PDB file of all heavy atoms in Angstrom:
ATOM      1  N   ARG A   1     -14.871  -0.143   9.187  1.00  0.00           N
ATOM      2  CA  ARG A   1     -14.245   1.161   9.402  1.00  0.00           C
ATOM      3  C   ARG A   1     -12.830   0.959   9.931  1.00  0.00           C
ATOM      4  O   ARG A   1     -12.596   0.063  10.745  1.00  0.00           O
ATOM      5  CB  ARG A   1     -15.043   1.987  10.409  1.00  0.00           C
ATOM      6  CG  ARG A   1     -16.462   2.328   9.970  1.00  0.00           C
ATOM      7  CD  ARG A   1     -17.181   3.136  11.040  1.00  0.00           C
ATOM      8  NE  ARG A   1     -18.494   3.585  10.614  1.00  0.00           N
ATOM      9  CZ  ARG A   1     -19.618   2.896  10.795  1.00  0.00           C
ATOM     10  NH1 ARG A   1     -19.571   1.705  11.396  1.00  0.00           N
ATOM     11  NH2 ARG A   1     -20.779   3.364  10.378  1.00  0.00           N
ATOM     12  N   PRO A   2     -11.888   1.802   9.508  1.00  0.00           N
ATOM     13  CA  PRO A   2     -10.525   1.683  10.051  1.00  0.00           C
ATOM     14  C   PRO A   2     -10.497   2.029  11.527  1.00  0.00           C
ATOM     15  O   PRO A   2     -11.151   2.973  11.973  1.00  0.00           O
ATOM     16  CB  PRO A   2      -9.724   2.692   9.221  1.00  0.00           C
ATOM     17  CG  PRO A   2     -10.747   3.660   8.695  1.00  0.00           C
ATOM     18  CD  PRO A   2     -12.007   2.874   8.520  1.00  0.00           C
ATOM     19  N   ALA A   3      -9.763   1.243  12.295  1.00  0.00           N
ATOM     20  CA  ALA A   3      -9.652   1.481  13.739  1.00  0.00           C
ATOM     21  C   ALA A   3      -8.481   2.418  14.022  1.00  0.00           C
ATOM     22  O   ALA A   3      -7.427   2.324  13.385  1.00  0.00           O
ATOM     23  CB  ALA A   3      -9.450   0.157  14.470  1.00  0.00           C
ATOM     24  N   ASP A   4      -8.667   3.326  14.959  1.00  0.00           N
ATOM     25  CA  ASP A   4      -7.550   4.129  15.452  1.00  0.00           C
ATOM     26  C   ASP A   4      -6.727   3.252  16.387  1.00  0.00           C
ATOM     27  O   ASP A   4      -7.267   2.693  17.361  1.00  0.00           O
ATOM     28  CB  ASP A   4      -8.059   5.357  16.207  1.00  0.00           C
ATOM     29  CG  ASP A   4      -8.659   6.394  15.277  1.00  0.00           C
ATOM     30  OD1 ASP A   4      -8.256   6.437  14.108  1.00  0.00           O
ATOM     31  OD2 ASP A   4      -9.540   7.149  15.724  1.00  0.00           O
ATOM     32  N   ILE A   5      -5.453   3.112  16.086  1.00  0.00           N
ATOM     33  CA  ILE A   5      -4.599   2.235  16.882  1.00  0.00           C
ATOM     34  C   ILE A   5      -3.381   2.992  17.401  1.00  0.00           C
ATOM     35  O   ILE A   5      -2.840   3.873  16.734  1.00  0.00           O
ATOM     36  CB  ILE A   5      -4.161   0.980  16.087  1.00  0.00           C
ATOM     37  CG1 ILE A   5      -3.443   1.361  14.791  1.00  0.00           C
ATOM     38  CG2 ILE A   5      -5.368   0.097  15.796  1.00  0.00           C
ATOM     39  CD1 ILE A   5      -2.892   0.172  14.025  1.00  0.00           C
ATOM     40  N   CYS A   6      -2.943   2.630  18.594  1.00  0.00           N
ATOM     41  CA  CYS A   6      -1.812   3.285  19.254  1.00  0.00           C
ATOM     42  C   CYS A   6      -0.511   2.588  18.857  1.00  0.00           C
ATOM     43  O   CYS A   6       0.132   1.909  19.663  1.00  0.00           O
ATOM     44  CB  CYS A   6      -2.013   3.265  20.770  1.00  0.00           C
ATOM     45  SG  CYS A   6      -3.586   3.972  21.294  1.00  0.00           S
ATOM     46  N   VAL A   7      -0.165   2.734  17.599  1.00  0.00           N
ATOM     47  CA  VAL A   7       1.023   2.125  17.019  1.00  0.00           C
ATOM     48  C   VAL A   7       1.865   3.232  16.410  1.00  0.00           C
ATOM     49  O   VAL A   7       1.335   4.195  15.846  1.00  0.00           O
ATOM     50  CB  VAL A   7       0.638   1.070  15.957  1.00  0.00           C
ATOM     51  CG1 VAL A   7       1.865   0.565  15.216  1.00  0.00           C
ATOM     52  CG2 VAL A   7      -0.086  -0.095  16.621  1.00  0.00           C
ATOM     53  N   TYR A   8       3.171   3.077  16.500  1.00  0.00           N
ATOM     54  CA  TYR A   8       4.086   4.121  16.042  1.00  0.00           C
ATOM     55  C   TYR A   8       4.396   3.971  14.560  1.00  0.00           C
ATOM     56  O   TYR A   8       4.983   2.974  14.114  1.00  0.00           O
ATOM     57  CB  TYR A   8       5.389   4.056  16.846  1.00  0.00           C
ATOM     58  CG  TYR A   8       6.225   5.313  16.768  1.00  0.00           C
ATOM     59  CD1 TYR A   8       5.848   6.464  17.456  1.00  0.00           C
ATOM     60  CD2 TYR A   8       7.388   5.347  16.017  1.00  0.00           C
ATOM     61  CE1 TYR A   8       6.606   7.621  17.406  1.00  0.00           C
ATOM     62  CE2 TYR A   8       8.161   6.506  15.949  1.00  0.00           C
ATOM     63  CZ  TYR A   8       7.761   7.635  16.649  1.00  0.00           C
ATOM     64  OH  TYR A   8       8.519   8.779  16.599  1.00  0.00           O
ATOM     65  N   PHE A   9       3.979   4.969  13.788  1.00  0.00           N
ATOM     66  CA  PHE A   9       4.312   5.062  12.371  1.00  0.00           C
ATOM     67  C   PHE A   9       5.127   6.332  12.110  1.00  0.00           C
ATOM     68  O   PHE A   9       5.114   6.872  11.005  1.00  0.00           O
ATOM     69  CB  PHE A   9       3.042   5.078  11.519  1.00  0.00           C
ATOM     70  CG  PHE A   9       2.208   3.836  11.641  1.00  0.00           C
ATOM     71  CD1 PHE A   9       1.043   3.835  12.404  1.00  0.00           C
ATOM     72  CD2 PHE A   9       2.574   2.663  10.995  1.00  0.00           C
ATOM     73  CE1 PHE A   9       0.264   2.688  12.516  1.00  0.00           C
ATOM     74  CE2 PHE A   9       1.797   1.509  11.104  1.00  0.00           C
ATOM     75  CZ  PHE A   9       0.638   1.521  11.863  1.00  0.00           C
ATOM     76  N   GLY A  10       5.820   6.789  13.141  1.00  0.00           N
ATOM     77  CA  GLY A  10       6.572   8.028  13.059  1.00  0.00           C
ATOM     78  C   GLY A  10       5.855   9.133  13.811  1.00  0.00           C
ATOM     79  O   GLY A  10       4.622   9.163  13.888  1.00  0.00           O
ATOM     80  N   GLU A  11       6.631  10.051  14.379  1.00  0.00           N
ATOM     81  CA  GLU A  11       6.058  11.118  15.197  1.00  0.00           C
ATOM     82  C   GLU A  11       5.140  12.029  14.387  1.00  0.00           C
ATOM     83  O   GLU A  11       4.064  12.412  14.846  1.00  0.00           O
ATOM     84  CB  GLU A  11       7.187  11.939  15.834  1.00  0.00           C
ATOM     85  CG  GLU A  11       6.732  12.878  16.926  1.00  0.00           C
ATOM     86  CD  GLU A  11       6.143  12.147  18.120  1.00  0.00           C
ATOM     87  OE1 GLU A  11       6.549  11.010  18.401  1.00  0.00           O
ATOM     88  OE2 GLU A  11       5.263  12.728  18.784  1.00  0.00           O
ATOM     89  N   ALA A  12       5.543  12.372  13.177  1.00  0.00           N
ATOM     90  CA  ALA A  12       4.738  13.277  12.363  1.00  0.00           C
ATOM     91  C   ALA A  12       3.377  12.672  12.029  1.00  0.00           C
ATOM     92  O   ALA A  12       2.342  13.339  12.144  1.00  0.00           O
ATOM     93  CB  ALA A  12       5.483  13.644  11.080  1.00  0.00           C
ATOM     94  N   TYR A  13       3.364  11.389  11.646  1.00  0.00           N
ATOM     95  CA  TYR A  13       2.092  10.740  11.318  1.00  0.00           C
ATOM     96  C   TYR A  13       1.214  10.619  12.557  1.00  0.00           C
ATOM     97  O   TYR A  13       0.005  10.860  12.510  1.00  0.00           O
ATOM     98  CB  TYR A  13       2.331   9.362  10.706  1.00  0.00           C
ATOM     99  CG  TYR A  13       1.038   8.673  10.304  1.00  0.00           C
ATOM    100  CD1 TYR A  13       0.417   8.991   9.109  1.00  0.00           C
ATOM    101  CD2 TYR A  13       0.444   7.725  11.130  1.00  0.00           C
ATOM    102  CE1 TYR A  13      -0.775   8.385   8.738  1.00  0.00           C
ATOM    103  CE2 TYR A  13      -0.745   7.116  10.777  1.00  0.00           C
ATOM    104  CZ  TYR A  13      -1.357   7.449   9.578  1.00  0.00           C
ATOM    105  OH  TYR A  13      -2.552   6.848   9.224  1.00  0.00           O
ATOM    106  N   GLY A  14       1.818  10.245  13.694  1.00  0.00           N
ATOM    107  CA  GLY A  14       1.052  10.073  14.920  1.00  0.00           C
ATOM    108  C   GLY A  14       0.347  11.330  15.372  1.00  0.00           C
ATOM    109  O   GLY A  14      -0.732  11.268  15.974  1.00  0.00           O
ATOM    110  N   GLN A  15       0.918  12.484  15.067  1.00  0.00           N
ATOM    111  CA  GLN A  15       0.313  13.751  15.464  1.00  0.00           C
ATOM    112  C   GLN A  15      -0.428  14.434  14.318  1.00  0.00           C
ATOM    113  O   GLN A  15      -0.844  15.589  14.445  1.00  0.00           O
ATOM    114  CB  GLN A  15       1.400  14.685  16.018  1.00  0.00           C
ATOM    115  CG  GLN A  15       2.131  14.133  17.216  1.00  0.00           C
ATOM    116  CD  GLN A  15       1.187  13.647  18.303  1.00  0.00           C
ATOM    117  OE1 GLN A  15       0.238  14.346  18.667  1.00  0.00           O
ATOM    118  NE2 GLN A  15       1.435  12.442  18.822  1.00  0.00           N
ATOM    119  N   GLY A  16      -0.586  13.719  13.193  1.00  0.00           N
ATOM    120  CA  GLY A  16      -1.335  14.269  12.074  1.00  0.00           C
ATOM    121  C   GLY A  16      -0.627  15.406  11.371  1.00  0.00           C
ATOM    122  O   GLY A  16      -1.260  16.262  10.743  1.00  0.00           O
ATOM    123  N   ARG A  17       0.707  15.407  11.439  1.00  0.00           N
ATOM    124  CA  ARG A  17       1.480  16.500  10.855  1.00  0.00           C
ATOM    125  C   ARG A  17       2.226  16.107   9.582  1.00  0.00           C
ATOM    126  O   ARG A  17       2.915  16.940   8.989  1.00  0.00           O
ATOM    127  CB  ARG A  17       2.488  17.038  11.876  1.00  0.00           C
ATOM    128  CG  ARG A  17       1.869  17.690  13.095  1.00  0.00           C
ATOM    129  CD  ARG A  17       2.932  18.352  13.969  1.00  0.00           C
ATOM    130  NE  ARG A  17       3.678  17.381  14.781  1.00  0.00           N
ATOM    131  CZ  ARG A  17       4.896  16.960  14.503  1.00  0.00           C
ATOM    132  NH1 ARG A  17       5.529  17.379  13.423  1.00  0.00           N
ATOM    133  NH2 ARG A  17       5.518  16.081  15.299  1.00  0.00           N
ATOM    134  N   GLY A  18       2.130  14.873   9.156  1.00  0.00           N
ATOM    135  CA  GLY A  18       2.885  14.465   7.982  1.00  0.00           C
ATOM    136  C   GLY A  18       2.687  13.004   7.669  1.00  0.00           C
ATOM    137  O   GLY A  18       1.934  12.291   8.353  1.00  0.00           O
ATOM    138  N   PRO A  19       3.382  12.505   6.634  1.00  0.00           N
ATOM    139  CA  PRO A  19       3.240  11.101   6.234  1.00  0.00           C
ATOM    140  C   PRO A  19       3.921  10.157   7.215  1.00  0.00           C
ATOM    141  O   PRO A  19       4.702  10.586   8.078  1.00  0.00           O
ATOM    142  CB  PRO A  19       3.935  11.065   4.867  1.00  0.00           C
ATOM    143  CG  PRO A  19       4.947  12.168   4.934  1.00  0.00           C
ATOM    144  CD  PRO A  19       4.317  13.248   5.774  1.00  0.00           C
ATOM    145  N   ALA A  20       3.635   8.888   7.062  1.00  0.00           N
ATOM    146  CA  ALA A  20       4.241   7.866   7.916  1.00  0.00           C
ATOM    147  C   ALA A  20       5.734   7.749   7.645  1.00  0.00           C
ATOM    148  O   ALA A  20       6.197   7.932   6.509  1.00  0.00           O
ATOM    149  CB  ALA A  20       3.566   6.522   7.694  1.00  0.00           C
ATOM    150  N   GLN A  21       6.470   7.442   8.696  1.00  0.00           N
ATOM    151  CA  GLN A  21       7.899   7.205   8.559  1.00  0.00           C
ATOM    152  C   GLN A  21       8.116   5.842   7.889  1.00  0.00           C
ATOM    153  O   GLN A  21       7.275   4.944   7.986  1.00  0.00           O
ATOM    154  CB  GLN A  21       8.540   7.218   9.941  1.00  0.00           C
ATOM    155  CG  GLN A  21      10.059   7.191   9.944  1.00  0.00           C
ATOM    156  CD  GLN A  21      10.599   7.229  11.358  1.00  0.00           C
ATOM    157  OE1 GLN A  21       9.996   6.666  12.270  1.00  0.00           O
ATOM    158  NE2 GLN A  21      11.727   7.877  11.557  1.00  0.00           N
ATOM    159  N   ALA A  22       9.229   5.675   7.211  1.00  0.00           N
ATOM    160  CA  ALA A  22       9.525   4.416   6.546  1.00  0.00           C
ATOM    161  C   ALA A  22       9.495   3.254   7.535  1.00  0.00           C
ATOM    162  O   ALA A  22       9.909   3.395   8.697  1.00  0.00           O
ATOM    163  CB  ALA A  22      10.891   4.490   5.864  1.00  0.00           C
ATOM    164  N   ILE A  23       9.002   2.120   7.089  1.00  0.00           N
ATOM    165  CA  ILE A  23       8.898   0.928   7.924  1.00  0.00           C
ATOM    166  C   ILE A  23      10.275   0.562   8.499  1.00  0.00           C
ATOM    167  O   ILE A  23      11.263   0.486   7.771  1.00  0.00           O
ATOM    168  CB  ILE A  23       8.326  -0.248   7.117  1.00  0.00           C
ATOM    169  CG1 ILE A  23       6.849   0.020   6.785  1.00  0.00           C
ATOM    170  CG2 ILE A  23       8.466  -1.571   7.862  1.00  0.00           C
ATOM    171  CD1 ILE A  23       6.241  -0.983   5.852  1.00  0.00           C
ATOM    172  N   GLY A  24      10.317   0.353   9.806  1.00  0.00           N
ATOM    173  CA  GLY A  24      11.540  -0.090  10.460  1.00  0.00           C
ATOM    174  C   GLY A  24      12.504   1.014  10.847  1.00  0.00           C
ATOM    175  O   GLY A  24      13.502   0.747  11.536  1.00  0.00           O
ATOM    176  N   GLU A  25      12.232   2.266  10.459  1.00  0.00           N
ATOM    177  CA  GLU A  25      13.115   3.383  10.824  1.00  0.00           C
ATOM    178  C   GLU A  25      12.868   3.779  12.280  1.00  0.00           C
ATOM    179  O   GLU A  25      11.754   3.666  12.789  1.00  0.00           O
ATOM    180  CB  GLU A  25      12.887   4.581   9.909  1.00  0.00           C
ATOM    181  CG  GLU A  25      13.287   4.340   8.467  1.00  0.00           C
ATOM    182  CD  GLU A  25      14.780   4.137   8.301  1.00  0.00           C
ATOM    183  OE1 GLU A  25      15.558   4.864   8.958  1.00  0.00           O
ATOM    184  OE2 GLU A  25      15.177   3.232   7.538  1.00  0.00           O
ATOM    185  N   GLN A  26      13.920   4.263  12.932  1.00  0.00           N
ATOM    186  CA  GLN A  26      13.813   4.643  14.349  1.00  0.00           C
ATOM    187  C   GLN A  26      13.978   6.145  14.534  1.00  0.00           C
ATOM    188  O   GLN A  26      14.651   6.818  13.756  1.00  0.00           O
ATOM    189  CB  GLN A  26      14.872   3.908  15.182  1.00  0.00           C
ATOM    190  CG  GLN A  26      14.658   2.412  15.278  1.00  0.00           C
ATOM    191  CD  GLN A  26      15.623   1.750  16.238  1.00  0.00           C
ATOM    192  OE1 GLN A  26      16.714   2.256  16.476  1.00  0.00           O
ATOM    193  NE2 GLN A  26      15.230   0.615  16.783  1.00  0.00           N
ATOM    194  N   GLU A  27      13.349   6.646  15.594  1.00  0.00           N
ATOM    195  CA  GLU A  27      13.518   8.035  16.012  1.00  0.00           C
ATOM    196  C   GLU A  27      13.037   8.166  17.450  1.00  0.00           C
ATOM    197  O   GLU A  27      12.389   7.259  17.995  1.00  0.00           O
ATOM    198  CB  GLU A  27      12.745   8.985  15.107  1.00  0.00           C
ATOM    199  CG  GLU A  27      11.233   8.835  15.199  1.00  0.00           C
ATOM    200  CD  GLU A  27      10.483   9.845  14.330  1.00  0.00           C
ATOM    201  OE1 GLU A  27      11.131  10.720  13.733  1.00  0.00           O
ATOM    202  OE2 GLU A  27       9.243   9.734  14.265  1.00  0.00           O
ATOM    203  N   ARG A  28      13.359   9.276  18.072  1.00  0.00           N
ATOM    204  CA  ARG A  28      12.855   9.543  19.421  1.00  0.00           C
ATOM    205  C   ARG A  28      11.461  10.146  19.323  1.00  0.00           C
ATOM    206  O   ARG A  28      11.215  11.028  18.493  1.00  0.00           O
ATOM    207  CB  ARG A  28      13.790  10.507  20.153  1.00  0.00           C
ATOM    208  CG  ARG A  28      15.179   9.941  20.415  1.00  0.00           C
ATOM    209  CD  ARG A  28      16.109  11.000  20.949  1.00  0.00           C
ATOM    210  NE  ARG A  28      15.815  11.324  22.337  1.00  0.00           N
ATOM    211  CZ  ARG A  28      16.384  12.338  23.004  1.00  0.00           C
ATOM    212  NH1 ARG A  28      17.252  13.124  22.385  1.00  0.00           N
ATOM    213  NH2 ARG A  28      16.074  12.567  24.269  1.00  0.00           N
ATOM    214  N   ASN A  29      10.559   9.655  20.158  1.00  0.00           N
ATOM    215  CA  ASN A  29       9.236  10.267  20.191  1.00  0.00           C
ATOM    216  C   ASN A  29       9.303  11.590  20.964  1.00  0.00           C
ATOM    217  O   ASN A  29      10.354  11.968  21.478  1.00  0.00           O
ATOM    218  CB  ASN A  29       8.185   9.296  20.755  1.00  0.00           C
ATOM    219  CG  ASN A  29       8.384   8.995  22.242  1.00  0.00           C
ATOM    220  OD1 ASN A  29       9.026   9.739  22.993  1.00  0.00           O
ATOM    221  ND2 ASN A  29       7.827   7.871  22.686  1.00  0.00           N
ATOM    222  N   ARG A  30       8.206  12.279  21.050  1.00  0.00           N
ATOM    223  CA  ARG A  30       8.243  13.624  21.637  1.00  0.00           C
ATOM    224  C   ARG A  30       8.509  13.629  23.133  1.00  0.00           C
ATOM    225  O   ARG A  30       8.735  14.686  23.719  1.00  0.00           O
ATOM    226  CB  ARG A  30       6.950  14.367  21.326  1.00  0.00           C
ATOM    227  CG  ARG A  30       5.667  13.682  21.801  1.00  0.00           C
ATOM    228  CD  ARG A  30       4.491  14.581  21.502  1.00  0.00           C
ATOM    229  NE  ARG A  30       3.233  13.878  21.567  1.00  0.00           N
ATOM    230  CZ  ARG A  30       2.058  14.501  21.640  1.00  0.00           C
ATOM    231  NH1 ARG A  30       2.006  15.817  21.647  1.00  0.00           N
ATOM    232  NH2 ARG A  30       0.939  13.806  21.683  1.00  0.00           N
ATOM    233  N   TYR A  31       8.490  12.437  23.762  1.00  0.00           N
ATOM    234  CA  TYR A  31       8.784  12.361  25.189  1.00  0.00           C
ATOM    235  C   TYR A  31      10.216  11.890  25.448  1.00  0.00           C
ATOM    236  O   TYR A  31      10.633  11.799  26.596  1.00  0.00           O
ATOM    237  CB  TYR A  31       7.773  11.448  25.879  1.00  0.00           C
ATOM    238  CG  TYR A  31       6.354  11.861  25.563  1.00  0.00           C
ATOM    239  CD1 TYR A  31       5.499  11.040  24.830  1.00  0.00           C
ATOM    240  CD2 TYR A  31       5.884  13.118  25.945  1.00  0.00           C
ATOM    241  CE1 TYR A  31       4.218  11.440  24.503  1.00  0.00           C
ATOM    242  CE2 TYR A  31       4.598  13.533  25.623  1.00  0.00           C
ATOM    243  CZ  TYR A  31       3.779  12.692  24.898  1.00  0.00           C
ATOM    244  OH  TYR A  31       2.513  13.118  24.561  1.00  0.00           O
TER     245      TYR A  31
END
């Protein structure tokens, strides 16, 4: 089974609101 992991794939993906951000791209998280 896939494990839920606390890794950043973009803010939208992390909150279940959209696809993963491109590999290596940066942005500010919600905090």
